[in-house]
Amino acid sequence: MLIVGEPPAYAHPGDAGADLHAAEARTLQPGERAMVGTGVRIALPDGHVAFVVPRSGLAARQGITIVNAPGTVDAGYRGEIKVILLNTGSEPHAIAVGDRIAQVIVQRIERARFVQVDELPGSDRGEGGFGSSGFGRTKETHG
C-alpha cells in the first residue's frame, strides 16, 4: 500500500486497527462535530477497502466518536483521509497535532453480484431486525 504523509501505526502486534493522527489542531465543543485532517493519503490495491473507526479510549474517556463510523475509503480514492469527529461529552475537547484521533482497518473485499427478484426465500429470522436476534427474549416465548 502506498502512503503519502505519516503512515498509520499499529500500537501492538496483532492489532487490527492502525492509529491515525490529527494533522491540525482544534477544539471540539460539546455537541460539535468537525472534519479533522490526518495528512494521510493512501493508494489501496484493487479489491481492498480501508475503514476509519473510532478509538475506544477517546470514546470512553472523552465521548469523542466518529459520526459516520465506519468511514469508508475506497481503493480508487486518492485524497486526504479526514475524520468527522463528534464530541458527545459535556466538556470541550482539545485536539493537538499528532494526537491519535481514529484507527484505520484495511480489509480485502468481495464484490457482490446483486440479483433482483420478486420475493426473497424464507429464513428463521424473517423480517425481524433491531434486536430480534435474541436480546430481551425470554425462554418462555422463544424456547
N, C-alpha and C. Protein backbone atom coordinates (compact mmCIF):
# COMPACT_ATOMS: atom_id res chain seq x y z
N MET A 1 0.85 -1.17 0.00
CA MET A 1 0.00 0.00 0.00
C MET A 1 0.90 1.23 0.00
N LEU A 2 0.58 2.19 -0.82
CA LEU A 2 1.35 3.43 -0.91
C LEU A 2 0.76 4.48 0.00
N ILE A 3 1.63 5.22 0.70
CA ILE A 3 1.20 6.23 1.69
C ILE A 3 1.90 7.54 1.42
N VAL A 4 1.17 8.64 1.45
CA VAL A 4 1.73 9.98 1.47
C VAL A 4 1.40 10.54 2.84
N GLY A 5 2.38 11.04 3.56
CA GLY A 5 2.18 11.55 4.92
C GLY A 5 2.70 10.54 5.93
N GLU A 6 2.50 10.85 7.20
CA GLU A 6 2.95 9.97 8.28
C GLU A 6 2.12 8.69 8.26
N PRO A 7 2.75 7.54 8.06
CA PRO A 7 1.97 6.29 7.97
C PRO A 7 1.23 5.98 9.26
N PRO A 8 0.02 5.43 9.15
CA PRO A 8 -0.65 4.94 10.35
C PRO A 8 0.23 3.87 11.01
N ALA A 9 0.11 3.73 12.33
CA ALA A 9 0.97 2.78 13.04
C ALA A 9 0.13 1.88 13.94
N TYR A 10 0.50 0.61 13.99
CA TYR A 10 -0.13 -0.35 14.90
C TYR A 10 0.51 -0.20 16.26
N ALA A 11 -0.30 -0.10 17.31
CA ALA A 11 0.22 0.08 18.67
C ALA A 11 0.79 -1.22 19.23
N HIS A 12 0.18 -2.35 18.85
CA HIS A 12 0.59 -3.64 19.40
C HIS A 12 0.59 -4.69 18.30
N PRO A 13 1.46 -5.71 18.41
CA PRO A 13 1.41 -6.81 17.44
C PRO A 13 0.03 -7.45 17.46
N GLY A 14 -0.49 -7.75 16.31
CA GLY A 14 -1.80 -8.39 16.22
C GLY A 14 -2.98 -7.44 16.18
N ASP A 15 -2.75 -6.12 16.37
CA ASP A 15 -3.85 -5.15 16.29
C ASP A 15 -4.45 -5.13 14.89
N ALA A 16 -5.75 -4.97 14.80
CA ALA A 16 -6.43 -4.84 13.51
C ALA A 16 -6.38 -3.40 13.00
N GLY A 17 -6.47 -2.44 13.92
CA GLY A 17 -6.51 -1.03 13.55
C GLY A 17 -5.18 -0.34 13.78
N ALA A 18 -4.80 0.49 12.82
CA ALA A 18 -3.60 1.32 12.94
C ALA A 18 -4.04 2.74 13.23
N ASP A 19 -3.32 3.40 14.15
CA ASP A 19 -3.71 4.75 14.58
C ASP A 19 -3.50 5.80 13.51
N LEU A 20 -4.50 6.67 13.38
CA LEU A 20 -4.42 7.86 12.55
C LEU A 20 -4.26 9.06 13.49
N HIS A 21 -3.42 10.01 13.09
CA HIS A 21 -3.11 11.17 13.93
C HIS A 21 -3.66 12.45 13.31
N ALA A 22 -4.02 13.39 14.15
CA ALA A 22 -4.51 14.70 13.68
C ALA A 22 -3.36 15.47 13.03
N ALA A 23 -3.64 16.08 11.90
CA ALA A 23 -2.67 16.93 11.21
C ALA A 23 -2.96 18.40 11.47
N GLU A 24 -3.99 18.66 12.26
CA GLU A 24 -4.39 20.03 12.57
C GLU A 24 -4.92 20.09 14.00
N ALA A 25 -4.77 21.25 14.61
CA ALA A 25 -5.26 21.45 15.98
C ALA A 25 -6.62 22.12 15.93
N ARG A 26 -7.47 21.73 16.88
CA ARG A 26 -8.78 22.38 17.03
C ARG A 26 -9.40 21.94 18.33
N THR A 27 -10.41 22.66 18.76
CA THR A 27 -11.15 22.30 19.96
C THR A 27 -12.58 22.01 19.57
N LEU A 28 -13.07 20.86 20.01
CA LEU A 28 -14.46 20.48 19.77
C LEU A 28 -15.28 20.81 21.01
N GLN A 29 -16.27 21.65 20.83
CA GLN A 29 -17.18 21.99 21.92
C GLN A 29 -18.18 20.85 22.11
N PRO A 30 -18.81 20.74 23.27
CA PRO A 30 -19.83 19.70 23.46
C PRO A 30 -20.89 19.77 22.36
N GLY A 31 -21.19 18.63 21.78
CA GLY A 31 -22.18 18.56 20.71
C GLY A 31 -21.66 18.95 19.34
N GLU A 32 -20.43 19.45 19.25
CA GLU A 32 -19.88 19.91 17.98
C GLU A 32 -19.26 18.75 17.20
N ARG A 33 -19.39 18.81 15.89
CA ARG A 33 -18.70 17.87 15.02
C ARG A 33 -17.82 18.66 14.06
N ALA A 34 -16.72 18.04 13.67
CA ALA A 34 -15.79 18.72 12.77
C ALA A 34 -15.00 17.69 11.98
N MET A 35 -14.65 18.07 10.76
CA MET A 35 -13.81 17.24 9.92
C MET A 35 -12.36 17.58 10.22
N VAL A 36 -11.59 16.58 10.66
CA VAL A 36 -10.20 16.79 11.06
C VAL A 36 -9.30 16.01 10.12
N GLY A 37 -8.37 16.70 9.49
CA GLY A 37 -7.45 16.05 8.57
C GLY A 37 -6.39 15.23 9.28
N THR A 38 -5.92 14.19 8.59
CA THR A 38 -4.86 13.34 9.13
C THR A 38 -3.54 13.53 8.40
N GLY A 39 -3.56 14.21 7.26
CA GLY A 39 -2.36 14.37 6.46
C GLY A 39 -1.98 13.12 5.70
N VAL A 40 -2.80 12.08 5.77
CA VAL A 40 -2.50 10.80 5.13
C VAL A 40 -3.35 10.63 3.88
N ARG A 41 -2.67 10.24 2.81
CA ARG A 41 -3.34 9.82 1.57
C ARG A 41 -2.81 8.43 1.25
N ILE A 42 -3.70 7.54 0.82
CA ILE A 42 -3.28 6.18 0.52
C ILE A 42 -3.74 5.74 -0.85
N ALA A 43 -3.04 4.77 -1.39
CA ALA A 43 -3.45 4.09 -2.61
C ALA A 43 -3.61 2.62 -2.25
N LEU A 44 -4.84 2.21 -2.08
CA LEU A 44 -5.14 0.83 -1.74
C LEU A 44 -5.11 -0.03 -3.00
N PRO A 45 -4.68 -1.27 -2.88
CA PRO A 45 -4.77 -2.16 -4.04
C PRO A 45 -6.23 -2.44 -4.38
N ASP A 46 -6.52 -2.70 -5.65
CA ASP A 46 -7.87 -3.10 -6.03
C ASP A 46 -8.29 -4.30 -5.18
N GLY A 47 -9.56 -4.35 -4.83
CA GLY A 47 -10.06 -5.44 -4.02
C GLY A 47 -9.87 -5.22 -2.53
N HIS A 48 -9.47 -4.00 -2.12
CA HIS A 48 -9.29 -3.67 -0.72
C HIS A 48 -10.08 -2.41 -0.37
N VAL A 49 -10.37 -2.25 0.92
CA VAL A 49 -11.05 -1.08 1.44
C VAL A 49 -10.41 -0.73 2.77
N ALA A 50 -10.44 0.53 3.14
CA ALA A 50 -9.99 0.95 4.47
C ALA A 50 -11.20 1.51 5.20
N PHE A 51 -11.38 1.05 6.44
CA PHE A 51 -12.46 1.55 7.29
C PHE A 51 -11.85 2.41 8.39
N VAL A 52 -12.36 3.63 8.54
CA VAL A 52 -11.91 4.53 9.59
C VAL A 52 -12.89 4.39 10.75
N VAL A 53 -12.36 3.99 11.91
CA VAL A 53 -13.21 3.68 13.06
C VAL A 53 -12.76 4.49 14.28
N PRO A 54 -13.67 4.66 15.27
CA PRO A 54 -13.31 5.42 16.48
C PRO A 54 -12.26 4.70 17.32
N ARG A 55 -11.57 5.47 18.13
CA ARG A 55 -10.67 4.91 19.14
C ARG A 55 -11.48 4.73 20.41
N SER A 56 -11.47 3.54 20.96
CA SER A 56 -12.32 3.24 22.12
C SER A 56 -11.95 4.09 23.34
N GLY A 57 -10.68 4.38 23.53
CA GLY A 57 -10.28 5.20 24.67
C GLY A 57 -10.83 6.61 24.60
N LEU A 58 -10.80 7.22 23.41
CA LEU A 58 -11.38 8.56 23.25
C LEU A 58 -12.89 8.54 23.50
N ALA A 59 -13.54 7.51 23.01
CA ALA A 59 -14.99 7.41 23.20
C ALA A 59 -15.33 7.22 24.67
N ALA A 60 -14.61 6.33 25.34
CA ALA A 60 -14.93 6.02 26.73
C ALA A 60 -14.59 7.16 27.68
N ARG A 61 -13.44 7.80 27.47
CA ARG A 61 -12.99 8.82 28.43
C ARG A 61 -13.50 10.23 28.12
N GLN A 62 -13.53 10.59 26.84
CA GLN A 62 -13.92 11.97 26.49
C GLN A 62 -15.22 12.07 25.68
N GLY A 63 -15.79 10.94 25.28
CA GLY A 63 -17.02 11.00 24.49
C GLY A 63 -16.79 11.42 23.05
N ILE A 64 -15.58 11.20 22.53
CA ILE A 64 -15.27 11.58 21.15
C ILE A 64 -15.46 10.36 20.26
N THR A 65 -16.30 10.50 19.25
CA THR A 65 -16.58 9.39 18.35
C THR A 65 -16.56 9.89 16.91
N ILE A 66 -16.83 9.00 15.98
CA ILE A 66 -16.87 9.34 14.56
C ILE A 66 -18.31 9.28 14.09
N VAL A 67 -18.77 10.34 13.46
CA VAL A 67 -20.17 10.45 13.06
C VAL A 67 -20.56 9.35 12.08
N ASN A 68 -19.76 9.10 11.07
CA ASN A 68 -20.12 8.14 10.02
C ASN A 68 -19.35 6.83 10.16
N ALA A 69 -19.14 6.39 11.39
CA ALA A 69 -18.34 5.19 11.62
C ALA A 69 -19.06 3.94 11.12
N PRO A 70 -18.40 3.07 10.40
CA PRO A 70 -17.04 3.30 9.93
C PRO A 70 -17.05 4.15 8.66
N GLY A 71 -16.08 5.03 8.56
CA GLY A 71 -15.87 5.77 7.32
C GLY A 71 -15.23 4.83 6.31
N THR A 72 -15.63 4.92 5.08
CA THR A 72 -15.14 4.00 4.04
C THR A 72 -14.21 4.73 3.09
N VAL A 73 -13.00 4.18 2.92
CA VAL A 73 -12.04 4.69 1.95
C VAL A 73 -11.93 3.65 0.85
N ASP A 74 -12.43 3.96 -0.33
CA ASP A 74 -12.39 3.04 -1.46
C ASP A 74 -11.01 3.03 -2.11
N ALA A 75 -10.71 1.94 -2.83
CA ALA A 75 -9.40 1.76 -3.44
C ALA A 75 -9.06 2.87 -4.43
N GLY A 76 -10.04 3.46 -5.08
CA GLY A 76 -9.77 4.50 -6.07
C GLY A 76 -9.59 5.89 -5.50
N TYR A 77 -9.85 6.09 -4.21
CA TYR A 77 -9.75 7.42 -3.60
C TYR A 77 -8.29 7.77 -3.36
N ARG A 78 -7.92 9.01 -3.69
CA ARG A 78 -6.54 9.45 -3.52
C ARG A 78 -6.41 10.71 -2.66
N GLY A 79 -7.51 11.21 -2.12
CA GLY A 79 -7.45 12.41 -1.30
C GLY A 79 -7.03 12.10 0.13
N GLU A 80 -6.90 13.16 0.92
CA GLU A 80 -6.53 13.03 2.32
C GLU A 80 -7.63 12.30 3.10
N ILE A 81 -7.23 11.44 4.01
CA ILE A 81 -8.19 10.81 4.91
C ILE A 81 -8.53 11.84 5.98
N LYS A 82 -9.80 12.19 6.05
CA LYS A 82 -10.29 13.11 7.06
C LYS A 82 -11.29 12.37 7.93
N VAL A 83 -11.37 12.75 9.18
CA VAL A 83 -12.20 12.06 10.15
C VAL A 83 -13.25 13.04 10.66
N ILE A 84 -14.53 12.65 10.60
CA ILE A 84 -15.61 13.50 11.10
C ILE A 84 -15.84 13.15 12.56
N LEU A 85 -15.24 13.93 13.45
CA LEU A 85 -15.33 13.69 14.89
C LEU A 85 -16.53 14.40 15.49
N LEU A 86 -17.09 13.81 16.54
CA LEU A 86 -18.22 14.37 17.27
C LEU A 86 -17.91 14.29 18.75
N ASN A 87 -18.09 15.42 19.43
CA ASN A 87 -17.91 15.47 20.88
C ASN A 87 -19.26 15.24 21.54
N THR A 88 -19.46 14.04 22.06
CA THR A 88 -20.72 13.72 22.75
C THR A 88 -20.63 14.01 24.25
N GLY A 89 -19.46 14.46 24.70
CA GLY A 89 -19.25 14.75 26.12
C GLY A 89 -19.83 16.09 26.53
N SER A 90 -19.61 16.44 27.79
CA SER A 90 -20.13 17.69 28.35
C SER A 90 -19.05 18.76 28.49
N GLU A 91 -17.81 18.45 28.10
CA GLU A 91 -16.69 19.39 28.19
C GLU A 91 -16.05 19.58 26.82
N PRO A 92 -15.46 20.76 26.55
CA PRO A 92 -14.69 20.93 25.31
C PRO A 92 -13.54 19.93 25.26
N HIS A 93 -13.18 19.51 24.06
CA HIS A 93 -12.07 18.57 23.89
C HIS A 93 -11.06 19.16 22.90
N ALA A 94 -9.85 19.39 23.39
CA ALA A 94 -8.79 19.95 22.54
C ALA A 94 -8.07 18.83 21.81
N ILE A 95 -7.87 19.05 20.52
CA ILE A 95 -7.12 18.11 19.67
C ILE A 95 -5.85 18.83 19.24
N ALA A 96 -4.71 18.22 19.52
CA ALA A 96 -3.41 18.78 19.12
C ALA A 96 -2.88 18.02 17.92
N VAL A 97 -2.04 18.68 17.13
CA VAL A 97 -1.38 18.00 16.02
C VAL A 97 -0.63 16.80 16.58
N GLY A 98 -0.83 15.66 15.97
CA GLY A 98 -0.17 14.43 16.42
C GLY A 98 -1.00 13.56 17.33
N ASP A 99 -2.13 14.08 17.85
CA ASP A 99 -3.00 13.26 18.69
C ASP A 99 -3.60 12.12 17.87
N ARG A 100 -3.73 10.96 18.50
CA ARG A 100 -4.40 9.82 17.85
C ARG A 100 -5.90 10.09 17.89
N ILE A 101 -6.53 10.14 16.73
CA ILE A 101 -7.95 10.51 16.66
C ILE A 101 -8.84 9.40 16.11
N ALA A 102 -8.26 8.41 15.47
CA ALA A 102 -9.06 7.33 14.87
C ALA A 102 -8.12 6.18 14.55
N GLN A 103 -8.72 5.10 14.07
CA GLN A 103 -7.95 3.97 13.57
C GLN A 103 -8.40 3.64 12.16
N VAL A 104 -7.50 3.05 11.40
CA VAL A 104 -7.84 2.59 10.06
C VAL A 104 -7.63 1.08 10.01
N ILE A 105 -8.62 0.39 9.46
CA ILE A 105 -8.58 -1.06 9.29
C ILE A 105 -8.66 -1.34 7.79
N VAL A 106 -7.68 -2.04 7.27
CA VAL A 106 -7.65 -2.37 5.84
C VAL A 106 -8.07 -3.82 5.67
N GLN A 107 -9.01 -4.04 4.74
CA GLN A 107 -9.52 -5.40 4.50
C GLN A 107 -9.67 -5.67 3.01
N ARG A 108 -9.57 -6.94 2.68
CA ARG A 108 -9.96 -7.37 1.34
C ARG A 108 -11.47 -7.36 1.28
N ILE A 109 -12.00 -7.10 0.10
CA ILE A 109 -13.46 -7.08 -0.05
C ILE A 109 -13.89 -8.02 -1.16
N GLU A 110 -15.10 -8.47 -1.03
CA GLU A 110 -15.74 -9.30 -2.04
C GLU A 110 -16.76 -8.44 -2.76
N ARG A 111 -16.72 -8.44 -4.07
CA ARG A 111 -17.72 -7.70 -4.85
C ARG A 111 -18.98 -8.54 -4.95
N ALA A 112 -20.09 -7.98 -4.52
CA ALA A 112 -21.37 -8.69 -4.57
C ALA A 112 -21.96 -8.59 -5.96
N ARG A 113 -22.70 -9.61 -6.34
CA ARG A 113 -23.49 -9.58 -7.56
C ARG A 113 -24.94 -9.52 -7.13
N PHE A 114 -25.59 -8.40 -7.36
CA PHE A 114 -26.97 -8.19 -6.92
C PHE A 114 -27.92 -8.73 -7.98
N VAL A 115 -28.86 -9.59 -7.55
CA VAL A 115 -29.84 -10.19 -8.45
C VAL A 115 -31.23 -9.75 -7.98
N GLN A 116 -31.94 -9.07 -8.84
CA GLN A 116 -33.28 -8.60 -8.48
C GLN A 116 -34.28 -9.74 -8.64
N VAL A 117 -35.09 -9.95 -7.61
CA VAL A 117 -36.13 -10.98 -7.63
C VAL A 117 -37.43 -10.36 -7.13
N ASP A 118 -38.52 -11.07 -7.34
CA ASP A 118 -39.82 -10.59 -6.86
C ASP A 118 -40.04 -10.91 -5.38
N GLU A 119 -39.41 -11.97 -4.88
CA GLU A 119 -39.61 -12.38 -3.50
C GLU A 119 -38.33 -13.05 -2.99
N LEU A 120 -38.06 -12.87 -1.71
CA LEU A 120 -36.89 -13.49 -1.09
C LEU A 120 -37.25 -14.84 -0.48
N PRO A 121 -36.28 -15.76 -0.41
CA PRO A 121 -36.55 -17.03 0.26
C PRO A 121 -36.74 -16.79 1.75
N GLY A 122 -37.45 -17.70 2.41
CA GLY A 122 -37.71 -17.57 3.84
C GLY A 122 -36.47 -17.85 4.68
N SER A 123 -36.54 -17.49 5.96
CA SER A 123 -35.47 -17.78 6.90
C SER A 123 -36.05 -17.86 8.30
N ASP A 124 -35.28 -18.40 9.25
CA ASP A 124 -35.75 -18.46 10.64
C ASP A 124 -35.98 -17.07 11.21
N ARG A 125 -35.17 -16.13 10.83
CA ARG A 125 -35.27 -14.77 11.38
C ARG A 125 -36.38 -13.96 10.72
N GLY A 126 -36.61 -14.20 9.46
CA GLY A 126 -37.65 -13.46 8.75
C GLY A 126 -37.34 -11.98 8.65
N GLU A 127 -38.33 -11.15 8.95
CA GLU A 127 -38.17 -9.71 8.84
C GLU A 127 -37.78 -9.05 10.15
N GLY A 128 -37.50 -9.84 11.18
CA GLY A 128 -37.13 -9.28 12.48
C GLY A 128 -35.77 -8.59 12.41
N GLY A 129 -35.69 -7.42 12.96
CA GLY A 129 -34.45 -6.66 13.00
C GLY A 129 -34.37 -5.86 14.27
N PHE A 130 -33.30 -5.13 14.44
CA PHE A 130 -33.14 -4.24 15.58
C PHE A 130 -33.42 -4.94 16.90
N GLY A 131 -32.58 -5.90 17.23
CA GLY A 131 -32.73 -6.59 18.50
C GLY A 131 -33.48 -7.89 18.41
N SER A 132 -33.87 -8.31 17.23
CA SER A 132 -34.66 -9.53 17.11
C SER A 132 -33.84 -10.80 17.22
N SER A 133 -32.52 -10.69 17.33
CA SER A 133 -31.69 -11.90 17.34
C SER A 133 -31.50 -12.48 18.73
N GLY A 134 -32.28 -12.07 19.70
CA GLY A 134 -32.24 -12.73 20.99
C GLY A 134 -32.18 -11.82 22.18
N PHE A 135 -31.80 -10.59 22.02
CA PHE A 135 -31.73 -9.68 23.16
C PHE A 135 -33.14 -9.40 23.67
N GLY A 136 -33.34 -9.57 24.97
CA GLY A 136 -34.63 -9.26 25.59
C GLY A 136 -35.64 -10.37 25.45
N ARG A 137 -35.30 -11.48 24.80
CA ARG A 137 -36.24 -12.59 24.68
C ARG A 137 -36.22 -13.42 25.95
N THR A 138 -37.34 -14.01 26.23
CA THR A 138 -37.41 -14.90 27.38
C THR A 138 -37.50 -16.34 26.92
N LYS A 139 -37.13 -17.25 27.81
CA LYS A 139 -37.20 -18.68 27.48
C LYS A 139 -38.62 -19.10 27.16
N GLU A 140 -39.59 -18.53 27.88
CA GLU A 140 -40.98 -18.93 27.69
C GLU A 140 -41.46 -18.65 26.28
N THR A 141 -41.02 -17.53 25.69
CA THR A 141 -41.53 -17.15 24.37
C THR A 141 -40.67 -17.67 23.24
N HIS A 142 -39.39 -17.96 23.52
CA HIS A 142 -38.50 -18.38 22.43
C HIS A 142 -37.59 -19.52 22.85
N GLY A 143 -38.12 -20.46 23.59
CA GLY A 143 -37.51 -21.70 23.98
C GLY A 143 -36.10 -21.70 24.29
